[in-house]
Amino acid sequence: MSTKEPVSHEIYVELQRLYAVQAHAIDAGDARGWAETFTSEGSFESPTTNGRIAGSAELATFAARYAPDRQSTRFRHWMNQLEAYREPDGSVTALSYGALLGFEDGESPTVLRTSLHRDRLERTERGWRIVSRLIEPDVSPANSGNGGPARQDEDS
């Protein structure tokens, strides 16, 4: 039985900071800032993407859909319960729980979706960046109500 090597406390704090920067960026409508938390060829797969998207341009286009001025519902992305382990190649494998909350002005937030996030991260010259993220929702998107902004092709 192999044991996983947890990351150092310093790396753990760096990863938490990356995730905080990422959540604040997407919720504030900073699509480019959100995309920059990934490597330039980083990938993201979630029920709201209907498959895998990759590369800075596709990531930024996806994140722009959450911009507060494009929606009547505002969003808060919440990540917690981070587990992070070193891989033999120096990369990090991380698991965390995520929650997507939505609210209208003057209303209480509603939990729209909870999920498990599976990330692979690499240290770059800009610090830790996400190479790949897979979002596994706890509830099927078809049964979860509003799981985020509609895809562009669903708008027509």
C-alpha atoms as a PDB file:
ATOM      1  CA  MET A   1       0.000   0.000   0.000  1.00  0.00           C
ATOM      2  CA  SER A   2       1.491   3.333  -1.051  1.00  0.00           C
ATOM      3  CA  THR A   3       1.094   6.443   1.026  1.00  0.00           C
ATOM      4  CA  LYS A   4       0.503   9.882  -0.397  1.00  0.00           C
ATOM      5  CA  GLU A   5       2.919  12.643   0.550  1.00  0.00           C
ATOM      6  CA  PRO A   6       1.021  15.727   1.698  1.00  0.00           C
ATOM      7  CA  VAL A   7       2.320  19.069   0.455  1.00  0.00           C
ATOM      8  CA  SER A   8       4.227  21.290   2.868  1.00  0.00           C
ATOM      9  CA  HIS A   9       2.337  23.882   4.908  1.00  0.00           C
ATOM     10  CA  GLU A  10       3.856  26.608   2.722  1.00  0.00           C
ATOM     11  CA  ILE A  11       2.575  25.010  -0.495  1.00  0.00           C
ATOM     12  CA  TYR A  12      -0.816  24.364   1.112  1.00  0.00           C
ATOM     13  CA  VAL A  13      -1.209  28.075   1.893  1.00  0.00           C
ATOM     14  CA  GLU A  14      -0.060  28.986  -1.642  1.00  0.00           C
ATOM     15  CA  LEU A  15      -2.739  26.684  -3.102  1.00  0.00           C
ATOM     16  CA  GLN A  16      -5.430  28.131  -0.845  1.00  0.00           C
ATOM     17  CA  ARG A  17      -4.429  31.614  -1.997  1.00  0.00           C
ATOM     18  CA  LEU A  18      -4.608  30.536  -5.650  1.00  0.00           C
ATOM     19  CA  TYR A  19      -8.115  29.167  -5.123  1.00  0.00           C
ATOM     20  CA  ALA A  20      -9.207  32.356  -3.334  1.00  0.00           C
ATOM     21  CA  VAL A  21      -7.832  34.542  -6.148  1.00  0.00           C
ATOM     22  CA  GLN A  22      -9.599  32.322  -8.663  1.00  0.00           C
ATOM     23  CA  ALA A  23     -13.001  32.471  -6.918  1.00  0.00           C
ATOM     24  CA  HIS A  24     -12.835  36.238  -6.446  1.00  0.00           C
ATOM     25  CA  ALA A  25     -11.806  36.725 -10.088  1.00  0.00           C
ATOM     26  CA  ILE A  26     -14.701  34.791 -11.615  1.00  0.00           C
ATOM     27  CA  ASP A  27     -17.243  36.294  -9.221  1.00  0.00           C
ATOM     28  CA  ALA A  28     -16.020  39.835  -9.977  1.00  0.00           C
ATOM     29  CA  GLY A  29     -16.191  39.280 -13.737  1.00  0.00           C
ATOM     30  CA  ASP A  30     -12.405  39.170 -14.191  1.00  0.00           C
ATOM     31  CA  ALA A  31     -12.428  36.427 -16.819  1.00  0.00           C
ATOM     32  CA  ARG A  32      -8.793  36.950 -17.790  1.00  0.00           C
ATOM     33  CA  GLY A  33      -7.712  36.845 -14.139  1.00  0.00           C
ATOM     34  CA  TRP A  34      -9.615  33.576 -13.652  1.00  0.00           C
ATOM     35  CA  ALA A  35      -8.038  32.056 -16.774  1.00  0.00           C
ATOM     36  CA  GLU A  36      -4.577  33.089 -15.548  1.00  0.00           C
ATOM     37  CA  THR A  37      -4.938  30.764 -12.549  1.00  0.00           C
ATOM     38  CA  PHE A  38      -4.467  27.945 -15.079  1.00  0.00           C
ATOM     39  CA  THR A  39      -1.386  27.153 -17.128  1.00  0.00           C
ATOM     40  CA  SER A  40      -1.573  28.536 -20.680  1.00  0.00           C
ATOM     41  CA  GLU A  41      -2.750  25.134 -21.927  1.00  0.00           C
ATOM     42  CA  GLY A  42      -4.749  24.340 -18.783  1.00  0.00           C
ATOM     43  CA  SER A  43      -8.042  22.494 -19.031  1.00  0.00           C
ATOM     44  CA  PHE A  44     -11.382  22.636 -17.247  1.00  0.00           C
ATOM     45  CA  GLU A  45     -14.191  20.094 -17.402  1.00  0.00           C
ATOM     46  CA  SER A  46     -17.566  20.662 -15.786  1.00  0.00           C
ATOM     47  CA  PRO A  47     -21.249  20.040 -16.503  1.00  0.00           C
ATOM     48  CA  THR A  48     -21.551  23.743 -17.392  1.00  0.00           C
ATOM     49  CA  THR A  49     -18.927  23.355 -20.139  1.00  0.00           C
ATOM     50  CA  ASN A  50     -20.522  20.236 -21.668  1.00  0.00           C
ATOM     51  CA  GLY A  51     -17.058  18.742 -22.019  1.00  0.00           C
ATOM     52  CA  ARG A  52     -13.450  19.798 -21.712  1.00  0.00           C
ATOM     53  CA  ILE A  53     -12.257  23.305 -22.556  1.00  0.00           C
ATOM     54  CA  ALA A  54      -8.573  24.143 -22.755  1.00  0.00           C
ATOM     55  CA  GLY A  55      -6.244  27.066 -23.256  1.00  0.00           C
ATOM     56  CA  SER A  56      -6.333  30.612 -21.950  1.00  0.00           C
ATOM     57  CA  ALA A  57      -8.758  31.945 -24.581  1.00  0.00           C
ATOM     58  CA  GLU A  58     -11.401  29.236 -24.050  1.00  0.00           C
ATOM     59  CA  LEU A  59     -11.064  29.499 -20.274  1.00  0.00           C
ATOM     60  CA  ALA A  60     -11.523  33.283 -20.355  1.00  0.00           C
ATOM     61  CA  THR A  61     -14.548  32.990 -22.668  1.00  0.00           C
ATOM     62  CA  PHE A  62     -16.140  30.516 -20.261  1.00  0.00           C
ATOM     63  CA  ALA A  63     -15.450  32.687 -17.193  1.00  0.00           C
ATOM     64  CA  ALA A  64     -16.860  35.802 -18.897  1.00  0.00           C
ATOM     65  CA  ARG A  65     -20.309  34.195 -18.731  1.00  0.00           C
ATOM     66  CA  TYR A  66     -20.295  34.733 -14.959  1.00  0.00           C
ATOM     67  CA  ALA A  67     -19.669  38.498 -15.168  1.00  0.00           C
ATOM     68  CA  PRO A  68     -22.026  40.297 -12.762  1.00  0.00           C
ATOM     69  CA  ASP A  69     -23.203  42.734 -15.452  1.00  0.00           C
ATOM     70  CA  ARG A  70     -24.308  39.854 -17.719  1.00  0.00           C
ATOM     71  CA  GLN A  71     -26.622  38.167 -15.225  1.00  0.00           C
ATOM     72  CA  SER A  72     -29.481  39.091 -12.944  1.00  0.00           C
ATOM     73  CA  THR A  73     -28.226  36.338 -10.629  1.00  0.00           C
ATOM     74  CA  ARG A  74     -24.847  37.005  -9.026  1.00  0.00           C
ATOM     75  CA  PHE A  75     -22.597  34.100  -8.122  1.00  0.00           C
ATOM     76  CA  ARG A  76     -20.216  33.122  -5.342  1.00  0.00           C
ATOM     77  CA  HIS A  77     -17.824  30.238  -5.893  1.00  0.00           C
ATOM     78  CA  TRP A  78     -16.776  28.605  -2.639  1.00  0.00           C
ATOM     79  CA  MET A  79     -13.957  26.037  -2.307  1.00  0.00           C
ATOM     80  CA  ASN A  80     -13.015  24.277   0.902  1.00  0.00           C
ATOM     81  CA  GLN A  81     -11.709  21.064   2.493  1.00  0.00           C
ATOM     82  CA  LEU A  82      -8.537  21.059   0.399  1.00  0.00           C
ATOM     83  CA  GLU A  83      -6.402  17.923   0.308  1.00  0.00           C
ATOM     84  CA  ALA A  84      -3.168  18.261  -1.639  1.00  0.00           C
ATOM     85  CA  TYR A  85      -0.443  15.688  -2.348  1.00  0.00           C
ATOM     86  CA  ARG A  86       2.935  15.773  -4.080  1.00  0.00           C
ATOM     87  CA  GLU A  87       3.427  13.598  -7.124  1.00  0.00           C
ATOM     88  CA  PRO A  88       6.800  12.049  -8.047  1.00  0.00           C
ATOM     89  CA  ASP A  89       7.195  14.532 -10.956  1.00  0.00           C
ATOM     90  CA  GLY A  90       6.861  17.518  -8.572  1.00  0.00           C
ATOM     91  CA  SER A  91       3.287  18.353  -9.539  1.00  0.00           C
ATOM     92  CA  VAL A  92       0.436  18.384  -7.039  1.00  0.00           C
ATOM     93  CA  THR A  93      -2.842  16.492  -7.053  1.00  0.00           C
ATOM     94  CA  ALA A  94      -5.574  18.283  -5.128  1.00  0.00           C
ATOM     95  CA  LEU A  95      -9.129  17.480  -4.090  1.00  0.00           C
ATOM     96  CA  SER A  96     -11.558  20.028  -2.698  1.00  0.00           C
ATOM     97  CA  TYR A  97     -15.255  20.554  -2.260  1.00  0.00           C
ATOM     98  CA  GLY A  98     -16.909  23.377  -4.125  1.00  0.00           C
ATOM     99  CA  ALA A  99     -20.213  25.149  -3.762  1.00  0.00           C
ATOM    100  CA  LEU A 100     -21.810  27.525  -6.229  1.00  0.00           C
ATOM    101  CA  LEU A 101     -24.163  30.016  -4.616  1.00  0.00           C
ATOM    102  CA  GLY A 102     -26.467  32.379  -6.463  1.00  0.00           C
ATOM    103  CA  PHE A 103     -28.359  35.421  -5.282  1.00  0.00           C
ATOM    104  CA  GLU A 104     -30.396  38.348  -6.516  1.00  0.00           C
ATOM    105  CA  ASP A 105     -29.892  41.803  -5.005  1.00  0.00           C
ATOM    106  CA  GLY A 106     -31.593  41.955  -1.625  1.00  0.00           C
ATOM    107  CA  GLU A 107     -32.143  38.186  -1.471  1.00  0.00           C
ATOM    108  CA  SER A 108     -30.463  35.441   0.540  1.00  0.00           C
ATOM    109  CA  PRO A 109     -28.006  33.201  -1.326  1.00  0.00           C
ATOM    110  CA  THR A 110     -29.148  29.823  -2.607  1.00  0.00           C
ATOM    111  CA  VAL A 111     -26.865  26.822  -3.037  1.00  0.00           C
ATOM    112  CA  LEU A 112     -27.073  25.984  -6.744  1.00  0.00           C
ATOM    113  CA  ARG A 113     -24.580  23.143  -6.850  1.00  0.00           C
ATOM    114  CA  THR A 114     -22.033  21.337  -4.725  1.00  0.00           C
ATOM    115  CA  SER A 115     -19.217  19.353  -6.230  1.00  0.00           C
ATOM    116  CA  LEU A 116     -15.879  17.627  -5.889  1.00  0.00           C
ATOM    117  CA  HIS A 117     -12.962  19.325  -7.673  1.00  0.00           C
ATOM    118  CA  ARG A 118     -10.048  17.209  -8.905  1.00  0.00           C
ATOM    119  CA  ASP A 119      -7.049  19.347  -9.833  1.00  0.00           C
ATOM    120  CA  ARG A 120      -3.535  18.768 -11.073  1.00  0.00           C
ATOM    121  CA  LEU A 121      -1.232  21.734 -10.496  1.00  0.00           C
ATOM    122  CA  GLU A 122       2.307  22.703 -11.475  1.00  0.00           C
ATOM    123  CA  ARG A 123       4.605  25.370 -10.116  1.00  0.00           C
ATOM    124  CA  THR A 124       5.362  27.918 -12.836  1.00  0.00           C
ATOM    125  CA  GLU A 125       7.329  31.160 -12.920  1.00  0.00           C
ATOM    126  CA  ARG A 126       4.023  32.818 -11.846  1.00  0.00           C
ATOM    127  CA  GLY A 127       3.521  30.421  -8.916  1.00  0.00           C
ATOM    128  CA  TRP A 128       1.215  27.422  -8.725  1.00  0.00           C
ATOM    129  CA  ARG A 129      -1.186  27.070 -11.658  1.00  0.00           C
ATOM    130  CA  ILE A 130      -3.889  24.549 -12.517  1.00  0.00           C
ATOM    131  CA  VAL A 131      -3.011  22.157 -15.329  1.00  0.00           C
ATOM    132  CA  SER A 132      -6.366  20.395 -15.252  1.00  0.00           C
ATOM    133  CA  ARG A 133      -9.584  20.579 -13.272  1.00  0.00           C
ATOM    134  CA  LEU A 134     -12.448  18.107 -13.327  1.00  0.00           C
ATOM    135  CA  ILE A 135     -15.675  19.108 -11.564  1.00  0.00           C
ATOM    136  CA  GLU A 136     -17.836  16.211 -10.352  1.00  0.00           C
ATOM    137  CA  PRO A 137     -21.235  17.541  -9.232  1.00  0.00           C
ATOM    138  CA  ASP A 138     -23.017  15.947  -6.302  1.00  0.00           C
ATOM    139  CA  VAL A 139     -26.344  16.278  -8.177  1.00  0.00           C
ATOM    140  CA  SER A 140     -26.994  15.820 -11.863  1.00  0.00           C
ATOM    141  CA  PRO A 141     -27.111  19.251 -13.590  1.00  0.00           C
ATOM    142  CA  ALA A 142     -30.477  18.307 -15.125  1.00  0.00           C
ATOM    143  CA  ASN A 143     -31.892  18.031 -11.588  1.00  0.00           C
ATOM    144  CA  SER A 144     -30.045  20.901  -9.924  1.00  0.00           C
ATOM    145  CA  GLY A 145     -31.927  23.914 -11.245  1.00  0.00           C
ATOM    146  CA  ASN A 146     -29.806  26.879 -12.275  1.00  0.00           C
ATOM    147  CA  GLY A 147     -26.237  25.577 -12.183  1.00  0.00           C
ATOM    148  CA  GLY A 148     -24.787  28.751 -13.625  1.00  0.00           C
ATOM    149  CA  PRO A 149     -25.146  30.893 -16.686  1.00  0.00           C
ATOM    150  CA  ALA A 150     -26.606  29.365 -19.828  1.00  0.00           C
ATOM    151  CA  ARG A 151     -24.154  28.250 -22.479  1.00  0.00           C
ATOM    152  CA  GLN A 152     -23.909  30.663 -25.387  1.00  0.00           C
ATOM    153  CA  ASP A 153     -25.485  28.098 -27.742  1.00  0.00           C
ATOM    154  CA  GLU A 154     -28.427  27.725 -25.323  1.00  0.00           C
ATOM    155  CA  ASP A 155     -29.176  31.454 -25.434  1.00  0.00           C
ATOM    156  CA  SER A 156     -30.644  31.312 -28.945  1.00  0.00           C
END
